[in-house]
Amino acid sequence: MKNIPDNTTVSVREKQIGDTLCIIETAVSATAKETVKAKIKRLIADAAESAPAPKTAA
């Protein structure tokens, strides 16, 4: 992670899944205005609204 503000808590975790090593980096800002859950929900809703309507079978 680059350019992390001083008021941010950073955590790095490693998880071995089979032969794959997953490295998860998280950054939690003390000044965040929304939770991760709320942000993901908003991003999914925004993407669903802007996605083209599926074609229906005739």
PDB file of N, CA and C in Angstrom:
ATOM      1  N   MET A   1       0.843  -1.179   0.000  1.00  0.00           N
ATOM      2  CA  MET A   1       0.000   0.000   0.000  1.00  0.00           C
ATOM      3  C   MET A   1       0.882   1.233   0.000  1.00  0.00           C
ATOM      4  N   LYS A   2       0.442   2.215  -0.721  1.00  0.00           N
ATOM      5  CA  LYS A   2       1.252   3.414  -0.857  1.00  0.00           C
ATOM      6  C   LYS A   2       0.469   4.628  -0.394  1.00  0.00           C
ATOM      7  N   ASN A   3       1.189   5.647   0.055  1.00  0.00           N
ATOM      8  CA  ASN A   3       0.599   6.932   0.433  1.00  0.00           C
ATOM      9  C   ASN A   3      -0.545   6.789   1.433  1.00  0.00           C
ATOM     10  N   ILE A   4      -0.278   6.137   2.534  1.00  0.00           N
ATOM     11  CA  ILE A   4      -1.293   5.930   3.564  1.00  0.00           C
ATOM     12  C   ILE A   4      -1.206   7.063   4.574  1.00  0.00           C
ATOM     13  N   PRO A   5      -2.331   7.749   4.830  1.00  0.00           N
ATOM     14  CA  PRO A   5      -2.320   8.838   5.810  1.00  0.00           C
ATOM     15  C   PRO A   5      -1.967   8.345   7.214  1.00  0.00           C
ATOM     16  N   ASP A   6      -1.500   9.250   8.056  1.00  0.00           N
ATOM     17  CA  ASP A   6      -1.097   8.894   9.416  1.00  0.00           C
ATOM     18  C   ASP A   6      -2.252   8.380  10.271  1.00  0.00           C
ATOM     19  N   ASN A   7      -3.482   8.796   9.975  1.00  0.00           N
ATOM     20  CA  ASN A   7      -4.622   8.405  10.800  1.00  0.00           C
ATOM     21  C   ASN A   7      -5.250   7.092  10.338  1.00  0.00           C
ATOM     22  N   THR A   8      -4.476   6.249   9.657  1.00  0.00           N
ATOM     23  CA  THR A   8      -4.978   5.001   9.102  1.00  0.00           C
ATOM     24  C   THR A   8      -4.290   3.812   9.763  1.00  0.00           C
ATOM     25  N   THR A   9      -5.095   2.823  10.150  1.00  0.00           N
ATOM     26  CA  THR A   9      -4.576   1.587  10.718  1.00  0.00           C
ATOM     27  C   THR A   9      -4.441   0.568   9.595  1.00  0.00           C
ATOM     28  N   VAL A  10      -3.261  -0.041   9.480  1.00  0.00           N
ATOM     29  CA  VAL A  10      -2.992  -0.993   8.400  1.00  0.00           C
ATOM     30  C   VAL A  10      -2.774  -2.373   8.996  1.00  0.00           C
ATOM     31  N   SER A  11      -3.333  -3.376   8.327  1.00  0.00           N
ATOM     32  CA  SER A  11      -3.182  -4.759   8.746  1.00  0.00           C
ATOM     33  C   SER A  11      -2.827  -5.596   7.527  1.00  0.00           C
ATOM     34  N   VAL A  12      -1.902  -6.539   7.694  1.00  0.00           N
ATOM     35  CA  VAL A  12      -1.523  -7.447   6.615  1.00  0.00           C
ATOM     36  C   VAL A  12      -1.688  -8.870   7.138  1.00  0.00           C
ATOM     37  N   ARG A  13      -2.416  -9.671   6.375  1.00  0.00           N
ATOM     38  CA  ARG A  13      -2.633 -11.067   6.756  1.00  0.00           C
ATOM     39  C   ARG A  13      -2.242 -11.960   5.594  1.00  0.00           C
ATOM     40  N   GLU A  14      -1.756 -13.132   5.925  1.00  0.00           N
ATOM     41  CA  GLU A  14      -1.425 -14.126   4.912  1.00  0.00           C
ATOM     42  C   GLU A  14      -2.286 -15.350   5.154  1.00  0.00           C
ATOM     43  N   LYS A  15      -2.837 -15.908   4.073  1.00  0.00           N
ATOM     44  CA  LYS A  15      -3.694 -17.098   4.167  1.00  0.00           C
ATOM     45  C   LYS A  15      -3.275 -18.071   3.085  1.00  0.00           C
ATOM     46  N   GLN A  16      -2.921 -19.269   3.484  1.00  0.00           N
ATOM     47  CA  GLN A  16      -2.537 -20.312   2.544  1.00  0.00           C
ATOM     48  C   GLN A  16      -3.785 -21.098   2.166  1.00  0.00           C
ATOM     49  N   ILE A  17      -4.103 -21.139   0.866  1.00  0.00           N
ATOM     50  CA  ILE A  17      -5.230 -21.919   0.360  1.00  0.00           C
ATOM     51  C   ILE A  17      -4.661 -22.860  -0.686  1.00  0.00           C
ATOM     52  N   GLY A  18      -4.487 -24.112  -0.299  1.00  0.00           N
ATOM     53  CA  GLY A  18      -3.844 -25.076  -1.194  1.00  0.00           C
ATOM     54  C   GLY A  18      -2.421 -24.640  -1.469  1.00  0.00           C
ATOM     55  N   ASP A  19      -2.079 -24.511  -2.740  1.00  0.00           N
ATOM     56  CA  ASP A  19      -0.733 -24.081  -3.140  1.00  0.00           C
ATOM     57  C   ASP A  19      -0.631 -22.571  -3.327  1.00  0.00           C
ATOM     58  N   THR A  20      -1.711 -21.855  -3.014  1.00  0.00           N
ATOM     59  CA  THR A  20      -1.744 -20.413  -3.242  1.00  0.00           C
ATOM     60  C   THR A  20      -1.639 -19.652  -1.924  1.00  0.00           C
ATOM     61  N   LEU A  21      -0.736 -18.692  -1.881  1.00  0.00           N
ATOM     62  CA  LEU A  21      -0.599 -17.818  -0.724  1.00  0.00           C
ATOM     63  C   LEU A  21      -1.321 -16.510  -1.030  1.00  0.00           C
ATOM     64  N   CYS A  22      -2.346 -16.208  -0.254  1.00  0.00           N
ATOM     65  CA  CYS A  22      -3.096 -14.965  -0.434  1.00  0.00           C
ATOM     66  C   CYS A  22      -2.609 -13.965   0.611  1.00  0.00           C
ATOM     67  N   ILE A  23      -2.266 -12.774   0.172  1.00  0.00           N
ATOM     68  CA  ILE A  23      -1.842 -11.713   1.071  1.00  0.00           C
ATOM     69  C   ILE A  23      -2.913 -10.642   1.044  1.00  0.00           C
ATOM     70  N   ILE A  24      -3.527 -10.402   2.205  1.00  0.00           N
ATOM     71  CA  ILE A  24      -4.618  -9.450   2.320  1.00  0.00           C
ATOM     72  C   ILE A  24      -4.132  -8.236   3.091  1.00  0.00           C
ATOM     73  N   GLU A  25      -4.196  -7.069   2.459  1.00  0.00           N
ATOM     74  CA  GLU A  25      -3.818  -5.819   3.104  1.00  0.00           C
ATOM     75  C   GLU A  25      -5.076  -4.994   3.303  1.00  0.00           C
ATOM     76  N   THR A  26      -5.294  -4.530   4.515  1.00  0.00           N
ATOM     77  CA  THR A  26      -6.451  -3.680   4.788  1.00  0.00           C
ATOM     78  C   THR A  26      -5.968  -2.384   5.413  1.00  0.00           C
ATOM     79  N   ALA A  27      -6.700  -1.325   5.137  1.00  0.00           N
ATOM     80  CA  ALA A  27      -6.403  -0.016   5.720  1.00  0.00           C
ATOM     81  C   ALA A  27      -7.709   0.552   6.250  1.00  0.00           C
ATOM     82  N   VAL A  28      -7.726   0.910   7.517  1.00  0.00           N
ATOM     83  CA  VAL A  28      -8.916   1.450   8.156  1.00  0.00           C
ATOM     84  C   VAL A  28      -8.632   2.890   8.531  1.00  0.00           C
ATOM     85  N   SER A  29      -9.421   3.781   7.978  1.00  0.00           N
ATOM     86  CA  SER A  29      -9.253   5.205   8.239  1.00  0.00           C
ATOM     87  C   SER A  29     -10.106   5.645   9.415  1.00  0.00           C
ATOM     88  N   ALA A  30      -9.531   6.417  10.295  1.00  0.00           N
ATOM     89  CA  ALA A  30     -10.275   6.957  11.434  1.00  0.00           C
ATOM     90  C   ALA A  30     -11.268   8.020  10.989  1.00  0.00           C
ATOM     91  N   THR A  31     -11.102   8.545   9.791  1.00  0.00           N
ATOM     92  CA  THR A  31     -11.982   9.604   9.304  1.00  0.00           C
ATOM     93  C   THR A  31     -12.969   9.113   8.238  1.00  0.00           C
ATOM     94  N   ALA A  32     -13.104   7.797   8.090  1.00  0.00           N
ATOM     95  CA  ALA A  32     -14.022   7.251   7.086  1.00  0.00           C
ATOM     96  C   ALA A  32     -15.443   7.692   7.386  1.00  0.00           C
ATOM     97  N   LYS A  33     -16.194   7.941   6.318  1.00  0.00           N
ATOM     98  CA  LYS A  33     -17.562   8.414   6.476  1.00  0.00           C
ATOM     99  C   LYS A  33     -18.590   7.296   6.283  1.00  0.00           C
ATOM    100  N   GLU A  34     -18.155   6.110   5.854  1.00  0.00           N
ATOM    101  CA  GLU A  34     -19.070   4.984   5.715  1.00  0.00           C
ATOM    102  C   GLU A  34     -18.318   3.682   6.000  1.00  0.00           C
ATOM    103  N   THR A  35     -19.065   2.648   6.375  1.00  0.00           N
ATOM    104  CA  THR A  35     -18.459   1.353   6.659  1.00  0.00           C
ATOM    105  C   THR A  35     -18.177   0.623   5.351  1.00  0.00           C
ATOM    106  N   VAL A  36     -17.375  -0.419   5.424  1.00  0.00           N
ATOM    107  CA  VAL A  36     -17.088  -1.228   4.236  1.00  0.00           C
ATOM    108  C   VAL A  36     -18.390  -1.848   3.726  1.00  0.00           C
ATOM    109  N   LYS A  37     -19.209  -2.343   4.647  1.00  0.00           N
ATOM    110  CA  LYS A  37     -20.478  -2.962   4.260  1.00  0.00           C
ATOM    111  C   LYS A  37     -21.348  -1.970   3.492  1.00  0.00           C
ATOM    112  N   ALA A  38     -21.471  -0.754   3.993  1.00  0.00           N
ATOM    113  CA  ALA A  38     -22.290   0.267   3.336  1.00  0.00           C
ATOM    114  C   ALA A  38     -21.701   0.636   1.971  1.00  0.00           C
ATOM    115  N   LYS A  39     -20.381   0.716   1.887  1.00  0.00           N
ATOM    116  CA  LYS A  39     -19.740   1.089   0.624  1.00  0.00           C
ATOM    117  C   LYS A  39     -19.953   0.014  -0.431  1.00  0.00           C
ATOM    118  N   ILE A  40     -19.752  -1.249  -0.066  1.00  0.00           N
ATOM    119  CA  ILE A  40     -19.945  -2.342  -1.022  1.00  0.00           C
ATOM    120  C   ILE A  40     -21.400  -2.394  -1.479  1.00  0.00           C
ATOM    121  N   LYS A  41     -22.333  -2.231  -0.537  1.00  0.00           N
ATOM    122  CA  LYS A  41     -23.752  -2.222  -0.883  1.00  0.00           C
ATOM    123  C   LYS A  41     -24.056  -1.091  -1.873  1.00  0.00           C
ATOM    124  N   ARG A  42     -23.506   0.097  -1.628  1.00  0.00           N
ATOM    125  CA  ARG A  42     -23.716   1.244  -2.509  1.00  0.00           C
ATOM    126  C   ARG A  42     -23.107   0.999  -3.893  1.00  0.00           C
ATOM    127  N   LEU A  43     -21.882   0.437  -3.940  1.00  0.00           N
ATOM    128  CA  LEU A  43     -21.235   0.161  -5.217  1.00  0.00           C
ATOM    129  C   LEU A  43     -22.012  -0.861  -6.048  1.00  0.00           C
ATOM    130  N   ILE A  44     -22.534  -1.900  -5.385  1.00  0.00           N
ATOM    131  CA  ILE A  44     -23.330  -2.909  -6.096  1.00  0.00           C
ATOM    132  C   ILE A  44     -24.617  -2.289  -6.623  1.00  0.00           C
ATOM    133  N   ALA A  45     -25.287  -1.491  -5.797  1.00  0.00           N
ATOM    134  CA  ALA A  45     -26.532  -0.838  -6.224  1.00  0.00           C
ATOM    135  C   ALA A  45     -26.276   0.108  -7.395  1.00  0.00           C
ATOM    136  N   ASP A  46     -25.207   0.884  -7.331  1.00  0.00           N
ATOM    137  CA  ASP A  46     -24.872   1.805  -8.418  1.00  0.00           C
ATOM    138  C   ASP A  46     -24.577   1.046  -9.717  1.00  0.00           C
ATOM    139  N   ALA A  47     -23.852  -0.060  -9.611  1.00  0.00           N
ATOM    140  CA  ALA A  47     -23.518  -0.854 -10.800  1.00  0.00           C
ATOM    141  C   ALA A  47     -24.778  -1.485 -11.388  1.00  0.00           C
ATOM    142  N   ALA A  48     -25.694  -1.932 -10.529  1.00  0.00           N
ATOM    143  CA  ALA A  48     -26.932  -2.541 -11.017  1.00  0.00           C
ATOM    144  C   ALA A  48     -27.797  -1.521 -11.734  1.00  0.00           C
ATOM    145  N   GLU A  49     -27.831  -0.308 -11.228  1.00  0.00           N
ATOM    146  CA  GLU A  49     -28.630   0.748 -11.857  1.00  0.00           C
ATOM    147  C   GLU A  49     -28.070   1.159 -13.210  1.00  0.00           C
ATOM    148  N   SER A  50     -26.753   1.154 -13.346  1.00  0.00           N
ATOM    149  CA  SER A  50     -26.136   1.615 -14.594  1.00  0.00           C
ATOM    150  C   SER A  50     -25.940   0.481 -15.619  1.00  0.00           C
ATOM    151  N   ALA A  51     -26.186  -0.746 -15.220  1.00  0.00           N
ATOM    152  CA  ALA A  51     -26.018  -1.879 -16.147  1.00  0.00           C
ATOM    153  C   ALA A  51     -27.166  -1.895 -17.148  1.00  0.00           C
ATOM    154  N   PRO A  52     -26.880  -2.298 -18.390  1.00  0.00           N
ATOM    155  CA  PRO A  52     -27.956  -2.387 -19.377  1.00  0.00           C
ATOM    156  C   PRO A  52     -28.945  -3.491 -18.986  1.00  0.00           C
ATOM    157  N   ALA A  53     -30.199  -3.288 -19.332  1.00  0.00           N
ATOM    158  CA  ALA A  53     -31.225  -4.282 -19.021  1.00  0.00           C
ATOM    159  C   ALA A  53     -30.959  -5.546 -19.839  1.00  0.00           C
ATOM    160  N   PRO A  54     -31.163  -6.713 -19.238  1.00  0.00           N
ATOM    161  CA  PRO A  54     -30.924  -7.964 -19.983  1.00  0.00           C
ATOM    162  C   PRO A  54     -31.979  -8.128 -21.078  1.00  0.00           C
ATOM    163  N   LYS A  55     -31.577  -8.733 -22.171  1.00  0.00           N
ATOM    164  CA  LYS A  55     -32.504  -8.993 -23.269  1.00  0.00           C
ATOM    165  C   LYS A  55     -33.399 -10.159 -22.893  1.00  0.00           C
ATOM    166  N   THR A  56     -34.659 -10.056 -23.228  1.00  0.00           N
ATOM    167  CA  THR A  56     -35.592 -11.137 -22.917  1.00  0.00           C
ATOM    168  C   THR A  56     -35.790 -12.005 -24.150  1.00  0.00           C
ATOM    169  N   ALA A  57     -36.041 -13.270 -23.919  1.00  0.00           N
ATOM    170  CA  ALA A  57     -36.260 -14.200 -25.026  1.00  0.00           C
ATOM    171  C   ALA A  57     -37.618 -13.917 -25.656  1.00  0.00           C
ATOM    172  N   ALA A  58     -37.675 -14.001 -26.953  1.00  0.00           N
ATOM    173  CA  ALA A  58     -38.937 -13.715 -27.659  1.00  0.00           C
ATOM    174  C   ALA A  58     -39.765 -14.959 -27.823  1.00  0.00           C
TER     175      ALA A  58
END
